Amino acid sequence: MSGWLRRVGALVVTTLTAIGLTTGSTAQAATPTHYTGQLPDGATWVADVPAAWNGTVILYSHGFGPLEARNAPDEPTGQALLEAGYALIGSSYSGPSWWALASAPRDQFASLDELVRKIGEPRRTIAWGTSMGGLVSALEAESGHRRLDGALTTCGLVAGALNLNNYQLDGEYALSRLLAPAQPVKLVRFANADEATASGAALTKLVTDAQGTAAGRARIALGAALLNMPAWLTGDTPPGPADYVGQQQQQQQALAQFVLGFVVSGRYHIELAAGGNSAYNRGVDYRALLSGSPLARQVRALYRAAGLDLDADLGELTRHADITPDRQAVATLARTSQATGRLRVPSLAIHTTADHLVPVEQENWYAHRVRSAGREPLLRQAYVGAAGHCAFRPSETIAALHALESRIETGRWPDLRPERLNAAAAALGAPGRYLRYSPAPLTGAGHR
């Protein structure tokens, strides 16, 4: 048995107890010491240090949402980590909006400094981020090599804000232009949060109403493809590779139930932080864009079934694309919200294969970025076969953490084959769902 799997085995009892997977009575662990504080820029921070601290601090970066301090992705995972001896710390970040990338890395390291003053220097510090926080941890891995030993990025928005805004605009524009050409939906430069919310609601209504016709379903599939929307939302397994009808149904459900409302309202927060709109589609060739999508075959099949001319629709999108960016907003996001790939510490990124809010294809873009920077030996990526945003089991993320710790300790990456990660997760009490997977290129990235 490899060293890092033995380490997992040694932590089984405490982890199982923390996530509620053991039976019988267990002695109550000592309550961790709880710390809070506020930074000069207004950000708050929160930390918990167990009595039997193992010397490792997890510097946790939360995702997009209210600027409230959190130090773990969820309560079961946090409890499991505390029971295993890890200290946890995280900040709220600070800024004018929920997109707080301009301050997040600085606030995270400043919070860590405050904790170190109270408990002393840790033996090891590991950054851990989820979703938008995954972009934060990726940025920390580039800038914090004297403070960090490694980074674990989970469901991370590692392709950055510029790519995010552009491919989301492509999909939203296609849905608006093709489903309601006479009543276009406002997509950028929102005056306030209510205006963005109204646009999200309008797009949601469009895809809800259009689902009733074959033509509507085909055009929804086109918009979903441009959004990098996975074709799996519910059930233990995805629809079959040729079940284009079933795939489209699940895409439409995700778009109507939560995706459009969330991402359009989220754009307002990014614009507020950037000082304008960074997205554009003027000059984009939508025929070329779709041709590079892994969902192109599905879209073509549904267009044929509906008797629609796909080439005509793609030409329509290309001709009428006229949204331009604000130069200063592009510059701001390029500076604050894009990873360079210049890693300074070992980094392990994990992602579910069907993530509707942060598509797994972002990992393809990020891996290319890291390779281009010459830092490929520092990055490894692993994939969990599941549907949902950050839909990991605690055992899966903690198994990944232990694998990263093995790399830090030995200077060599351990065996990260799915069967090894799944064995480590199973030893922690819940079966792992890691699988062999290679994400497709991110549609909408690199065409601008």
Protein backbone atom coordinates (compact mmCIF):
# COMPACT_ATOMS: atom_id res chain seq x y z
CA MET A 1 0.00 0.00 0.00
CA SER A 2 1.38 3.42 -0.92
CA GLY A 3 2.32 5.93 1.77
CA TRP A 4 -0.51 8.32 1.11
CA LEU A 5 -3.09 5.50 1.22
CA ARG A 6 -1.69 4.44 4.59
CA ARG A 7 -2.14 8.04 5.69
CA VAL A 8 -5.77 7.89 4.58
CA GLY A 9 -6.28 4.69 6.53
CA ALA A 10 -4.91 6.29 9.70
CA LEU A 11 -7.53 9.05 9.44
CA VAL A 12 -10.54 6.85 8.71
CA VAL A 13 -12.05 6.75 12.20
CA THR A 14 -11.94 10.47 12.87
CA THR A 15 -13.19 11.35 9.41
CA LEU A 16 -16.05 8.87 9.50
CA THR A 17 -17.09 10.20 12.87
CA ALA A 18 -17.12 13.76 11.60
CA ILE A 19 -19.26 13.03 8.58
CA GLY A 20 -21.66 10.80 10.49
CA LEU A 21 -20.81 7.46 8.90
CA THR A 22 -19.90 5.47 12.02
CA THR A 23 -22.13 3.76 14.56
CA GLY A 24 -21.74 3.34 18.28
CA SER A 25 -20.41 5.77 20.83
CA THR A 26 -17.23 7.80 20.37
CA ALA A 27 -15.56 10.10 22.84
CA GLN A 28 -16.44 13.71 22.10
CA ALA A 29 -13.47 15.55 20.62
CA ALA A 30 -12.37 18.73 22.30
CA THR A 31 -14.06 21.79 20.88
CA PRO A 32 -11.76 23.64 18.47
CA THR A 33 -10.63 27.12 19.40
CA HIS A 34 -12.60 29.64 17.37
CA TYR A 35 -11.08 32.91 16.18
CA THR A 36 -12.56 35.86 14.29
CA GLY A 37 -11.26 39.22 13.21
CA GLN A 38 -11.54 42.13 10.83
CA LEU A 39 -8.92 43.45 8.40
CA PRO A 40 -8.23 47.14 7.73
CA ASP A 41 -10.11 47.01 4.40
CA GLY A 42 -13.25 45.74 6.14
CA ALA A 43 -12.95 42.07 5.29
CA THR A 44 -13.69 39.67 8.13
CA TRP A 45 -12.08 36.32 8.80
CA VAL A 46 -12.91 33.20 10.75
CA ALA A 47 -10.70 30.34 11.90
CA ASP A 48 -11.00 27.11 13.88
CA VAL A 49 -8.01 25.33 15.38
CA PRO A 50 -8.45 21.86 16.88
CA ALA A 51 -6.87 20.98 20.20
CA ALA A 52 -4.82 18.25 18.52
CA TRP A 53 -3.65 20.47 15.67
CA ASN A 54 -1.55 18.54 13.15
CA GLY A 55 0.38 21.66 12.12
CA THR A 56 -1.37 22.15 8.78
CA VAL A 57 -3.57 25.15 7.99
CA ILE A 58 -6.19 25.00 5.25
CA LEU A 59 -6.60 28.47 3.74
CA TYR A 60 -10.10 28.18 2.33
CA SER A 61 -11.48 30.49 -0.40
CA HIS A 62 -15.26 30.58 -0.76
CA GLY A 63 -17.18 30.92 -4.00
CA PHE A 64 -19.32 33.62 -5.57
CA GLY A 65 -21.94 34.96 -3.19
CA PRO A 66 -22.34 37.24 -0.19
CA LEU A 67 -19.05 38.45 1.25
CA GLU A 68 -19.21 36.42 4.43
CA ALA A 69 -16.23 34.69 6.00
CA ARG A 70 -16.16 30.90 5.57
CA ASN A 71 -13.38 28.43 6.27
CA ALA A 72 -14.70 25.21 4.72
CA PRO A 73 -16.74 24.24 1.65
CA ASP A 74 -19.51 22.70 3.78
CA GLU A 75 -20.10 21.61 7.35
CA PRO A 76 -19.42 17.85 6.91
CA THR A 77 -16.11 18.50 5.17
CA GLY A 78 -15.13 21.12 7.72
CA GLN A 79 -15.93 18.81 10.60
CA ALA A 80 -14.00 15.96 9.01
CA LEU A 81 -10.95 18.19 8.58
CA LEU A 82 -11.10 19.48 12.14
CA GLU A 83 -11.45 15.95 13.52
CA ALA A 84 -8.38 14.97 11.50
CA GLY A 85 -6.37 17.81 13.07
CA TYR A 86 -6.39 20.51 10.40
CA ALA A 87 -6.77 24.19 11.28
CA LEU A 88 -9.19 26.07 9.01
CA ILE A 89 -9.24 29.74 8.08
CA GLY A 90 -10.99 31.86 5.46
CA SER A 91 -11.97 35.47 4.86
CA SER A 92 -15.04 37.22 3.50
CA TYR A 93 -12.98 39.24 0.97
CA SER A 94 -13.86 42.89 0.44
CA GLY A 95 -15.08 44.96 -2.46
CA PRO A 96 -17.99 46.66 -4.13
CA SER A 97 -19.59 43.39 -5.29
CA TRP A 98 -19.59 39.64 -4.82
CA TRP A 99 -16.93 39.37 -7.54
CA ALA A 100 -14.14 40.26 -5.12
CA LEU A 101 -11.11 38.95 -7.00
CA ALA A 102 -9.27 42.26 -6.69
CA SER A 103 -9.06 41.82 -2.91
CA ALA A 104 -9.47 38.09 -2.30
CA PRO A 105 -5.86 36.83 -2.44
CA ARG A 106 -4.65 39.80 -0.39
CA ASP A 107 -7.40 39.33 2.20
CA GLN A 108 -6.74 35.61 2.42
CA PHE A 109 -3.04 36.04 3.13
CA ALA A 110 -3.71 38.90 5.55
CA SER A 111 -6.14 36.67 7.44
CA LEU A 112 -3.53 33.93 7.55
CA ASP A 113 -1.07 36.42 9.04
CA GLU A 114 -3.58 37.26 11.77
CA LEU A 115 -4.00 33.60 12.65
CA VAL A 116 -0.24 32.97 12.69
CA ARG A 117 0.14 35.77 15.25
CA LYS A 118 -2.21 33.83 17.51
CA ILE A 119 -1.08 30.23 17.04
CA GLY A 120 2.42 30.43 15.57
CA GLU A 121 3.81 29.41 12.20
CA PRO A 122 2.19 26.33 10.73
CA ARG A 123 4.21 23.37 9.54
CA ARG A 124 2.31 23.53 6.25
CA THR A 125 -0.29 25.75 4.59
CA ILE A 126 -2.54 24.55 1.78
CA ALA A 127 -4.88 26.76 -0.23
CA TRP A 128 -8.28 25.22 -0.97
CA GLY A 129 -10.85 27.01 -3.12
CA THR A 130 -14.24 26.17 -4.57
CA SER A 131 -15.91 27.70 -7.65
CA MET A 132 -14.91 31.39 -7.81
CA GLY A 133 -12.76 30.55 -4.82
CA GLY A 134 -11.01 28.01 -7.04
CA LEU A 135 -9.82 30.94 -9.13
CA VAL A 136 -8.66 32.58 -5.91
CA SER A 137 -6.66 29.49 -4.93
CA ALA A 138 -5.18 29.31 -8.45
CA LEU A 139 -4.04 32.93 -8.12
CA GLU A 140 -2.66 32.22 -4.65
CA ALA A 141 -0.66 29.32 -6.10
CA GLU A 142 1.01 31.82 -8.43
CA SER A 143 1.77 34.51 -5.86
CA GLY A 144 2.03 32.88 -2.45
CA HIS A 145 4.92 30.44 -2.80
CA ARG A 146 6.58 31.74 0.37
CA ARG A 147 3.32 31.31 2.27
CA LEU A 148 1.88 28.19 0.63
CA ASP A 149 3.01 24.60 0.22
CA GLY A 150 0.30 23.55 -2.22
CA ALA A 151 -3.14 24.32 -3.62
CA LEU A 152 -6.29 22.24 -4.01
CA THR A 153 -8.72 23.73 -6.50
CA THR A 154 -12.21 22.21 -6.55
CA CYS A 155 -14.77 23.00 -9.28
CA GLY A 156 -12.63 26.05 -9.92
CA LEU A 157 -13.43 28.89 -12.26
CA VAL A 158 -9.88 28.56 -13.53
CA ALA A 159 -10.49 29.94 -17.06
CA GLY A 160 -11.09 33.33 -15.47
CA ALA A 161 -13.59 36.12 -15.82
CA LEU A 162 -12.82 37.17 -19.39
CA ASN A 163 -13.54 33.72 -20.80
CA LEU A 164 -16.54 33.29 -18.50
CA ASN A 165 -18.15 36.53 -19.64
CA ASN A 166 -17.53 35.83 -23.31
CA TYR A 167 -18.88 32.29 -23.59
CA GLN A 168 -21.86 33.10 -21.39
CA LEU A 169 -22.61 36.07 -23.62
CA ASP A 170 -22.45 33.80 -26.69
CA GLY A 171 -25.09 31.46 -25.31
CA GLU A 172 -27.33 34.18 -23.94
CA TYR A 173 -27.14 36.12 -27.19
CA ALA A 174 -28.07 33.03 -29.22
CA LEU A 175 -31.11 32.34 -27.04
CA SER A 176 -32.27 35.96 -27.18
CA ARG A 177 -31.66 36.46 -30.90
CA LEU A 178 -33.14 33.18 -32.10
CA LEU A 179 -36.05 32.77 -29.67
CA ALA A 180 -37.23 36.40 -29.53
CA PRO A 181 -35.60 38.47 -32.31
CA ALA A 182 -38.25 41.18 -32.08
CA GLN A 183 -37.78 41.65 -28.34
CA PRO A 184 -34.05 41.40 -27.61
CA VAL A 185 -33.02 40.90 -24.00
CA LYS A 186 -30.46 43.27 -22.51
CA LEU A 187 -27.29 41.26 -21.89
CA VAL A 188 -24.56 43.68 -20.78
CA ARG A 189 -23.99 47.03 -19.05
CA PHE A 190 -26.67 46.62 -16.42
CA ALA A 191 -27.59 49.77 -14.55
CA ASN A 192 -28.39 47.89 -11.34
CA ALA A 193 -28.98 44.44 -9.92
CA ASP A 194 -32.72 44.55 -10.61
CA GLU A 195 -32.10 45.10 -14.32
CA ALA A 196 -29.80 42.08 -14.47
CA THR A 197 -32.32 39.97 -12.57
CA ALA A 198 -35.03 41.00 -15.02
CA SER A 199 -32.86 39.93 -17.96
CA GLY A 200 -32.22 36.57 -16.35
CA ALA A 201 -35.94 36.10 -15.81
CA ALA A 202 -36.67 37.07 -19.42
CA LEU A 203 -34.20 34.50 -20.79
CA THR A 204 -35.57 31.88 -18.43
CA LYS A 205 -39.09 32.49 -19.76
CA LEU A 206 -37.84 32.23 -23.34
CA VAL A 207 -36.32 28.78 -22.82
CA THR A 208 -39.36 27.65 -20.82
CA ASP A 209 -41.83 28.69 -23.53
CA ALA A 210 -39.68 27.47 -26.45
CA GLN A 211 -39.33 23.95 -25.05
CA GLY A 212 -42.79 23.13 -26.40
CA THR A 213 -41.72 23.04 -30.07
CA ALA A 214 -39.07 21.11 -31.98
CA ALA A 215 -37.67 24.36 -33.37
CA GLY A 216 -37.47 25.85 -29.89
CA ARG A 217 -35.72 22.78 -28.51
CA ALA A 218 -33.14 22.85 -31.30
CA ARG A 219 -32.35 26.50 -30.69
CA ILE A 220 -32.13 25.95 -26.94
CA ALA A 221 -29.60 23.19 -27.65
CA LEU A 222 -27.56 25.64 -29.73
CA GLY A 223 -27.54 28.19 -26.91
CA ALA A 224 -26.63 25.45 -24.43
CA ALA A 225 -23.70 24.35 -26.59
CA LEU A 226 -22.32 27.88 -26.71
CA LEU A 227 -22.69 28.03 -22.92
CA ASN A 228 -20.66 24.80 -22.56
CA MET A 229 -23.75 23.34 -20.89
CA PRO A 230 -23.41 19.65 -19.94
CA ALA A 231 -26.17 17.30 -21.05
CA TRP A 232 -26.56 15.65 -17.65
CA LEU A 233 -28.48 17.10 -14.72
CA THR A 234 -30.37 14.31 -12.95
CA GLY A 235 -29.97 10.59 -12.42
CA ASP A 236 -26.99 8.44 -11.57
CA THR A 237 -25.77 8.32 -15.17
CA PRO A 238 -25.97 10.75 -18.09
CA PRO A 239 -28.26 10.23 -21.09
CA GLY A 240 -26.79 8.00 -23.76
CA PRO A 241 -24.34 9.50 -26.26
CA ALA A 242 -26.96 9.43 -29.04
CA ASP A 243 -29.94 10.32 -26.85
CA TYR A 244 -30.06 13.88 -28.13
CA VAL A 245 -33.65 14.40 -27.00
CA GLY A 246 -32.84 13.33 -23.45
CA GLN A 247 -29.69 15.43 -23.42
CA GLN A 248 -31.56 18.54 -24.53
CA GLN A 249 -34.27 18.02 -21.93
CA GLN A 250 -31.69 18.00 -19.14
CA GLN A 251 -29.92 21.04 -20.55
CA GLN A 252 -33.19 22.95 -20.75
CA GLN A 253 -34.11 22.01 -17.20
CA ALA A 254 -30.79 23.34 -15.91
CA LEU A 255 -31.10 26.56 -17.92
CA ALA A 256 -34.67 27.20 -16.77
CA GLN A 257 -34.31 26.10 -13.16
CA PHE A 258 -31.18 27.95 -12.11
CA VAL A 259 -28.46 28.62 -14.68
CA LEU A 260 -29.77 31.64 -16.56
CA GLY A 261 -31.08 33.42 -13.49
CA PHE A 262 -27.78 32.90 -11.71
CA VAL A 263 -25.29 33.75 -14.45
CA VAL A 264 -27.08 36.82 -15.80
CA SER A 265 -27.51 38.35 -12.36
CA GLY A 266 -23.91 37.41 -11.64
CA ARG A 267 -22.73 39.40 -14.64
CA TYR A 268 -23.88 42.59 -12.91
CA HIS A 269 -21.53 41.88 -10.01
CA ILE A 270 -18.61 41.27 -12.37
CA GLU A 271 -19.37 44.49 -14.27
CA LEU A 272 -19.53 46.40 -11.01
CA ALA A 273 -16.13 45.08 -9.96
CA ALA A 274 -14.61 45.66 -13.40
CA GLY A 275 -16.06 49.11 -13.92
CA GLY A 276 -17.87 48.11 -17.11
CA ASN A 277 -18.50 45.31 -19.57
CA SER A 278 -15.64 43.05 -20.66
CA ALA A 279 -17.61 40.76 -22.98
CA TYR A 280 -18.07 41.15 -26.71
CA ASN A 281 -19.22 39.24 -29.76
CA ARG A 282 -18.65 41.65 -32.63
CA GLY A 283 -16.58 39.80 -35.21
CA VAL A 284 -17.31 36.35 -33.79
CA ASP A 285 -17.98 33.64 -36.40
CA TYR A 286 -20.69 31.49 -34.85
CA ARG A 287 -20.29 28.77 -37.46
CA ALA A 288 -16.69 28.31 -36.41
CA LEU A 289 -17.67 28.53 -32.77
CA LEU A 290 -20.17 25.68 -32.99
CA SER A 291 -17.86 23.54 -35.11
CA GLY A 292 -15.43 23.33 -32.19
CA SER A 293 -18.07 22.33 -29.64
CA PRO A 294 -18.34 18.73 -28.41
CA LEU A 295 -22.12 19.28 -28.54
CA ALA A 296 -22.18 20.15 -32.26
CA ARG A 297 -23.44 16.72 -33.28
CA GLN A 298 -26.37 16.97 -30.88
CA VAL A 299 -27.28 20.45 -32.17
CA ARG A 300 -27.13 19.34 -35.81
CA ALA A 301 -29.32 16.31 -35.11
CA LEU A 302 -31.99 18.37 -33.35
CA TYR A 303 -31.96 20.99 -36.13
CA ARG A 304 -32.47 18.25 -38.73
CA ALA A 305 -35.32 16.76 -36.71
CA ALA A 306 -36.97 20.19 -36.50
CA GLY A 307 -36.52 20.93 -40.20
CA LEU A 308 -34.49 24.06 -39.42
CA ASP A 309 -31.55 25.47 -41.34
CA LEU A 310 -28.70 25.55 -38.84
CA ASP A 311 -26.37 27.37 -41.18
CA ALA A 312 -28.93 30.14 -41.60
CA ASP A 313 -29.28 30.57 -37.84
CA LEU A 314 -25.52 30.66 -37.36
CA GLY A 315 -25.25 33.24 -40.12
CA GLU A 316 -27.96 35.30 -38.45
CA LEU A 317 -26.03 35.27 -35.20
CA THR A 318 -22.79 36.27 -36.90
CA ARG A 319 -24.34 39.13 -38.88
CA HIS A 320 -26.08 40.75 -35.94
CA ALA A 321 -23.37 40.32 -33.29
CA ASP A 322 -22.52 43.88 -32.30
CA ILE A 323 -21.64 43.91 -28.60
CA THR A 324 -18.31 45.57 -27.86
CA PRO A 325 -16.30 45.65 -24.62
CA ASP A 326 -15.20 48.50 -22.39
CA ARG A 327 -11.42 48.58 -22.63
CA GLN A 328 -10.87 49.47 -19.00
CA ALA A 329 -13.09 46.61 -17.81
CA VAL A 330 -11.08 44.15 -19.90
CA ALA A 331 -7.85 45.49 -18.41
CA THR A 332 -9.18 45.28 -14.86
CA LEU A 333 -10.32 41.68 -15.18
CA ALA A 334 -7.14 40.68 -17.00
CA ARG A 335 -5.19 42.01 -14.04
CA THR A 336 -7.35 40.66 -11.22
CA SER A 337 -9.34 37.71 -12.53
CA GLN A 338 -7.23 35.66 -14.95
CA ALA A 339 -4.74 32.96 -14.04
CA THR A 340 -1.38 33.20 -15.78
CA GLY A 341 -0.53 29.53 -15.28
CA ARG A 342 2.78 30.45 -13.64
CA LEU A 343 2.37 28.10 -10.68
CA ARG A 344 4.86 28.30 -7.83
CA VAL A 345 3.57 25.38 -5.72
CA PRO A 346 2.10 21.93 -6.48
CA SER A 347 -1.56 22.23 -7.44
CA LEU A 348 -4.24 19.57 -7.75
CA ALA A 349 -7.51 20.51 -9.47
CA ILE A 350 -10.62 18.32 -9.31
CA HIS A 351 -13.89 18.86 -11.15
CA THR A 352 -17.18 17.07 -11.66
CA THR A 353 -17.73 16.07 -15.28
CA ALA A 354 -21.15 17.73 -15.53
CA ASP A 355 -20.88 21.13 -13.86
CA HIS A 356 -23.55 23.56 -15.11
CA LEU A 357 -22.14 26.73 -13.55
CA VAL A 358 -18.40 26.19 -14.03
CA PRO A 359 -18.07 23.84 -17.01
CA VAL A 360 -15.42 21.15 -16.74
CA GLU A 361 -14.01 22.44 -20.05
CA GLN A 362 -12.44 25.25 -18.04
CA GLU A 363 -9.87 22.69 -16.89
CA ASN A 364 -8.76 22.18 -20.51
CA TRP A 365 -8.09 25.90 -20.89
CA TYR A 366 -6.25 26.02 -17.57
CA ALA A 367 -4.04 23.04 -18.35
CA HIS A 368 -3.02 24.67 -21.63
CA ARG A 369 -2.26 27.90 -19.77
CA VAL A 370 -0.04 26.09 -17.28
CA ARG A 371 1.76 24.19 -20.05
CA SER A 372 2.36 27.42 -21.94
CA ALA A 373 3.93 28.87 -18.79
CA GLY A 374 6.26 25.88 -18.49
CA ARG A 375 4.79 24.80 -15.12
CA GLU A 376 3.09 21.56 -16.18
CA PRO A 377 4.99 19.38 -13.65
CA LEU A 378 3.31 21.30 -10.82
CA LEU A 379 -0.27 20.64 -11.99
CA ARG A 380 -2.40 17.53 -11.87
CA GLN A 381 -6.14 17.29 -12.60
CA ALA A 382 -8.66 14.61 -11.65
CA TYR A 383 -12.33 14.19 -12.48
CA VAL A 384 -15.37 12.95 -10.58
CA GLY A 385 -18.17 11.43 -12.65
CA ALA A 386 -21.10 13.36 -11.21
CA ALA A 387 -23.64 16.00 -12.19
CA GLY A 388 -23.78 19.27 -10.29
CA HIS A 389 -21.69 22.26 -9.35
CA CYS A 390 -19.12 21.29 -6.73
CA ALA A 391 -21.12 18.09 -6.15
CA PHE A 392 -18.30 16.23 -4.42
CA ARG A 393 -18.56 13.87 -1.50
CA PRO A 394 -16.39 14.85 1.48
CA SER A 395 -14.45 11.63 1.07
CA GLU A 396 -13.57 12.58 -2.52
CA THR A 397 -12.18 15.99 -1.69
CA ILE A 398 -10.31 14.78 1.39
CA ALA A 399 -8.77 11.95 -0.64
CA ALA A 400 -7.56 14.59 -3.10
CA LEU A 401 -6.15 16.64 -0.21
CA HIS A 402 -4.13 13.68 1.03
CA ALA A 403 -2.79 13.05 -2.47
CA LEU A 404 -1.63 16.67 -2.64
CA GLU A 405 -0.01 16.31 0.78
CA SER A 406 1.90 13.29 -0.50
CA ARG A 407 3.24 15.41 -3.37
CA ILE A 408 4.30 18.12 -0.92
CA GLU A 409 6.03 15.64 1.40
CA THR A 410 7.85 13.56 -1.20
CA GLY A 411 8.36 15.97 -4.08
CA ARG A 412 6.69 13.43 -6.40
CA TRP A 413 3.09 13.07 -7.43
CA PRO A 414 1.51 9.87 -6.07
CA ASP A 415 -0.53 7.48 -8.16
CA LEU A 416 -3.59 9.53 -9.14
CA ARG A 417 -5.33 6.93 -11.22
CA PRO A 418 -9.09 6.89 -10.55
CA GLU A 419 -8.97 3.49 -8.86
CA ARG A 420 -6.41 4.76 -6.34
CA LEU A 421 -8.35 7.91 -5.57
CA ASN A 422 -11.54 5.88 -5.27
CA ALA A 423 -9.86 3.46 -2.88
CA ALA A 424 -8.72 6.41 -0.77
CA ALA A 425 -12.24 7.86 -0.77
CA ALA A 426 -13.75 4.49 0.15
CA ALA A 427 -11.33 4.20 3.07
CA LEU A 428 -12.78 7.49 4.28
CA GLY A 429 -16.28 6.04 4.30
CA ALA A 430 -17.99 6.85 0.99
CA PRO A 431 -17.23 5.40 -2.45
CA GLY A 432 -15.30 7.63 -4.81
CA ARG A 433 -16.53 8.37 -8.30
CA TYR A 434 -13.26 9.36 -9.94
CA LEU A 435 -12.92 8.25 -13.55
CA ARG A 436 -10.66 8.62 -16.55
CA TYR A 437 -11.71 11.76 -18.36
CA SER A 438 -10.29 14.37 -20.70
CA PRO A 439 -12.31 17.60 -20.95
CA ALA A 440 -12.99 19.09 -24.36
CA PRO A 441 -11.75 22.56 -25.31
CA LEU A 442 -13.72 25.43 -23.79
CA THR A 443 -16.12 26.72 -26.46
CA GLY A 444 -15.85 30.48 -26.75
CA ALA A 445 -12.28 30.67 -25.46
CA GLY A 446 -9.51 31.67 -27.81
CA HIS A 447 -11.78 32.95 -30.61
CA ARG A 448 -11.42 36.54 -29.47
